[in-house]
Every structure is written in C-alpha cells, then in structure tokens.
Amino acid sequence: MFEWMAWTTPVAVFFSCIGLMLLAMTVWEIKSPTSLRRGFLPMETTRGDRLFIGLLSAAYVNLAFVGISGRLMVWLSLEADPSIWFSFVASMALLVLIMRKG
C-alpha cells in the first residue's frame, strides 16, 4: 500500500511527529480556546495558524535539504549524502520557534 513512498526511519518519525502535533493541538484547543496574538510574524495569529505556518516551513526546510544534500556532499567533501536527521532537527527547531515566538 505504501510502496510509492520511501518510508525511511526519518520520514516515519517526521510524519508521526506531525500526527502527534495535530492531535495535541486539537486537545489543547478543546481544553483552552486560543486568542489572536502578535509575534514576529507580520500578522496576528492563533496557535493553529502558527502550527500551519510552522509545518509549511518545516516541509520547505526538509525539501531544501534534500535538494542541496548532493551539493553539500561535494562542497564538504563527504563520502555520502548528509543525514536527513540534520534537516529534521532544523525543521523541528524552526517549528518550535514559530510556535513560541511567531
């Protein structure tokens, strides 16, 4: 059923984290409704808005890393492509930043 996608461990962890975040945000919203607030993003946002923006940003970070990993291998004289775990950690850090300060 899932043969069309390369289900490596980092990919499975990434999508599991997204699913857990959506579940946690749903429970949090039911327990404590959100209100608009302004952070470094150029608009007033709710928790759900910041989650959506953060998830999009995380996806772009991962796509960019996949796109430049071959070049990084050449530039840094690596023997193999750099681990996708680097982009996972960077994208989750960006997501946390957007959720907390955005």
C-alpha atoms as a PDB file:
ATOM      1  CA  MET A   1       0.000   0.000   0.000  1.00  0.00           C
ATOM      2  CA  PHE A   2       2.807   2.440   0.822  1.00  0.00           C
ATOM      3  CA  GLU A   3       5.323   1.240  -1.774  1.00  0.00           C
ATOM      4  CA  TRP A   4       5.141   4.565  -3.619  1.00  0.00           C
ATOM      5  CA  MET A   5       6.945   6.357  -0.787  1.00  0.00           C
ATOM      6  CA  ALA A   6      10.408   5.825   0.625  1.00  0.00           C
ATOM      7  CA  TRP A   7       9.442   5.076   4.242  1.00  0.00           C
ATOM      8  CA  THR A   8      12.769   5.503   5.927  1.00  0.00           C
ATOM      9  CA  THR A   9      13.006   5.952   9.679  1.00  0.00           C
ATOM     10  CA  PRO A  10      13.418   9.767   9.496  1.00  0.00           C
ATOM     11  CA  VAL A  11      10.384  10.069   7.211  1.00  0.00           C
ATOM     12  CA  ALA A  12       8.270   7.918   9.529  1.00  0.00           C
ATOM     13  CA  VAL A  13       9.402   9.927  12.573  1.00  0.00           C
ATOM     14  CA  PHE A  14       8.656  13.211  10.776  1.00  0.00           C
ATOM     15  CA  PHE A  15       5.109  12.189   9.835  1.00  0.00           C
ATOM     16  CA  SER A  16       4.493  10.657  13.266  1.00  0.00           C
ATOM     17  CA  CYS A  17       5.500  13.955  14.863  1.00  0.00           C
ATOM     18  CA  ILE A  18       3.097  15.836  12.597  1.00  0.00           C
ATOM     19  CA  GLY A  19       0.258  13.478  13.540  1.00  0.00           C
ATOM     20  CA  LEU A  20       1.033  13.797  17.245  1.00  0.00           C
ATOM     21  CA  MET A  21       1.199  17.591  16.962  1.00  0.00           C
ATOM     22  CA  LEU A  22      -2.197  17.731  15.267  1.00  0.00           C
ATOM     23  CA  LEU A  23      -3.699  15.503  17.948  1.00  0.00           C
ATOM     24  CA  ALA A  24      -2.122  17.532  20.768  1.00  0.00           C
ATOM     25  CA  MET A  25      -3.243  20.831  19.228  1.00  0.00           C
ATOM     26  CA  THR A  26      -6.816  19.521  18.925  1.00  0.00           C
ATOM     27  CA  VAL A  27      -6.913  18.517  22.590  1.00  0.00           C
ATOM     28  CA  TRP A  28      -5.272  21.818  23.627  1.00  0.00           C
ATOM     29  CA  GLU A  29      -7.798  23.832  21.606  1.00  0.00           C
ATOM     30  CA  ILE A  30     -10.718  21.979  23.187  1.00  0.00           C
ATOM     31  CA  LYS A  31      -9.316  22.478  26.706  1.00  0.00           C
ATOM     32  CA  SER A  32      -8.199  26.099  26.231  1.00  0.00           C
ATOM     33  CA  PRO A  33      -9.531  28.073  23.239  1.00  0.00           C
ATOM     34  CA  THR A  34      -6.938  30.280  21.606  1.00  0.00           C
ATOM     35  CA  SER A  35      -6.890  34.022  21.043  1.00  0.00           C
ATOM     36  CA  LEU A  36      -5.135  36.196  18.497  1.00  0.00           C
ATOM     37  CA  ARG A  37      -1.655  37.448  19.340  1.00  0.00           C
ATOM     38  CA  ARG A  38       1.146  39.191  17.532  1.00  0.00           C
ATOM     39  CA  GLY A  39       4.717  37.908  17.436  1.00  0.00           C
ATOM     40  CA  PHE A  40       7.462  38.311  14.846  1.00  0.00           C
ATOM     41  CA  LEU A  41       5.118  37.157  12.056  1.00  0.00           C
ATOM     42  CA  PRO A  42       3.651  40.150  10.181  1.00  0.00           C
ATOM     43  CA  MET A  43       0.057  39.371  11.266  1.00  0.00           C
ATOM     44  CA  GLU A  44      -1.983  38.372  14.273  1.00  0.00           C
ATOM     45  CA  THR A  45      -2.113  34.589  14.570  1.00  0.00           C
ATOM     46  CA  THR A  46      -3.686  31.847  16.652  1.00  0.00           C
ATOM     47  CA  ARG A  47      -1.948  28.644  17.741  1.00  0.00           C
ATOM     48  CA  GLY A  48      -3.456  26.835  14.769  1.00  0.00           C
ATOM     49  CA  ASP A  49      -2.200  29.496  12.357  1.00  0.00           C
ATOM     50  CA  ARG A  50       1.304  29.255  13.790  1.00  0.00           C
ATOM     51  CA  LEU A  51       1.201  25.443  13.591  1.00  0.00           C
ATOM     52  CA  PHE A  52       0.185  25.605   9.932  1.00  0.00           C
ATOM     53  CA  ILE A  53       2.889  28.160   9.101  1.00  0.00           C
ATOM     54  CA  GLY A  54       5.436  26.148  11.101  1.00  0.00           C
ATOM     55  CA  LEU A  55       4.554  22.887   9.352  1.00  0.00           C
ATOM     56  CA  LEU A  56       4.864  24.537   5.948  1.00  0.00           C
ATOM     57  CA  SER A  57       8.217  25.979   6.976  1.00  0.00           C
ATOM     58  CA  ALA A  58       9.381  22.578   8.244  1.00  0.00           C
ATOM     59  CA  ALA A  59       8.401  20.965   4.953  1.00  0.00           C
ATOM     60  CA  TYR A  60      10.320  23.600   2.981  1.00  0.00           C
ATOM     61  CA  VAL A  61      13.410  23.139   5.156  1.00  0.00           C
ATOM     62  CA  ASN A  62      13.317  19.389   4.526  1.00  0.00           C
ATOM     63  CA  LEU A  63      12.754  19.831   0.788  1.00  0.00           C
ATOM     64  CA  ALA A  64      15.580  22.351   0.563  1.00  0.00           C
ATOM     65  CA  PHE A  65      17.900  19.980   2.416  1.00  0.00           C
ATOM     66  CA  VAL A  66      17.031  17.112   0.093  1.00  0.00           C
ATOM     67  CA  GLY A  67      17.641  19.438  -2.862  1.00  0.00           C
ATOM     68  CA  ILE A  68      21.079  20.588  -1.716  1.00  0.00           C
ATOM     69  CA  SER A  69      22.321  17.415   0.016  1.00  0.00           C
ATOM     70  CA  GLY A  70      24.144  16.287  -3.125  1.00  0.00           C
ATOM     71  CA  ARG A  71      25.920  19.616  -3.386  1.00  0.00           C
ATOM     72  CA  LEU A  72      26.720  19.574   0.335  1.00  0.00           C
ATOM     73  CA  MET A  73      28.393  16.215  -0.207  1.00  0.00           C
ATOM     74  CA  VAL A  74      30.664  17.785  -2.826  1.00  0.00           C
ATOM     75  CA  TRP A  75      31.263  21.102  -1.025  1.00  0.00           C
ATOM     76  CA  LEU A  76      32.114  19.455   2.298  1.00  0.00           C
ATOM     77  CA  SER A  77      33.987  16.520   0.691  1.00  0.00           C
ATOM     78  CA  LEU A  78      31.748  13.948   2.339  1.00  0.00           C
ATOM     79  CA  GLU A  79      31.776  10.293   1.327  1.00  0.00           C
ATOM     80  CA  ALA A  80      27.960  10.013   1.428  1.00  0.00           C
ATOM     81  CA  ASP A  81      24.934  12.286   1.468  1.00  0.00           C
ATOM     82  CA  PRO A  82      24.496  14.069   4.807  1.00  0.00           C
ATOM     83  CA  SER A  83      21.945  12.507   7.129  1.00  0.00           C
ATOM     84  CA  ILE A  84      18.364  13.674   6.804  1.00  0.00           C
ATOM     85  CA  TRP A  85      18.292  13.862  10.620  1.00  0.00           C
ATOM     86  CA  PHE A  86      20.039  17.251  10.337  1.00  0.00           C
ATOM     87  CA  SER A  87      17.108  18.709   8.411  1.00  0.00           C
ATOM     88  CA  PHE A  88      14.627  17.033  10.753  1.00  0.00           C
ATOM     89  CA  VAL A  89      16.220  18.684  13.790  1.00  0.00           C
ATOM     90  CA  ALA A  90      16.460  22.044  11.991  1.00  0.00           C
ATOM     91  CA  SER A  91      12.840  21.912  10.836  1.00  0.00           C
ATOM     92  CA  MET A  92      11.561  20.972  14.295  1.00  0.00           C
ATOM     93  CA  ALA A  93      13.618  23.802  15.836  1.00  0.00           C
ATOM     94  CA  LEU A  94      12.082  26.223  13.316  1.00  0.00           C
ATOM     95  CA  LEU A  95       8.611  24.889  14.132  1.00  0.00           C
ATOM     96  CA  VAL A  96       9.184  25.419  17.863  1.00  0.00           C
ATOM     97  CA  LEU A  97      10.460  28.957  17.224  1.00  0.00           C
ATOM     98  CA  ILE A  98       7.394  29.839  15.165  1.00  0.00           C
ATOM     99  CA  MET A  99       5.032  28.292  17.709  1.00  0.00           C
ATOM    100  CA  ARG A 100       6.636  30.113  20.661  1.00  0.00           C
ATOM    101  CA  LYS A 101       7.609  33.495  19.216  1.00  0.00           C
ATOM    102  CA  GLY A 102       5.652  33.771  15.955  1.00  0.00           C
END
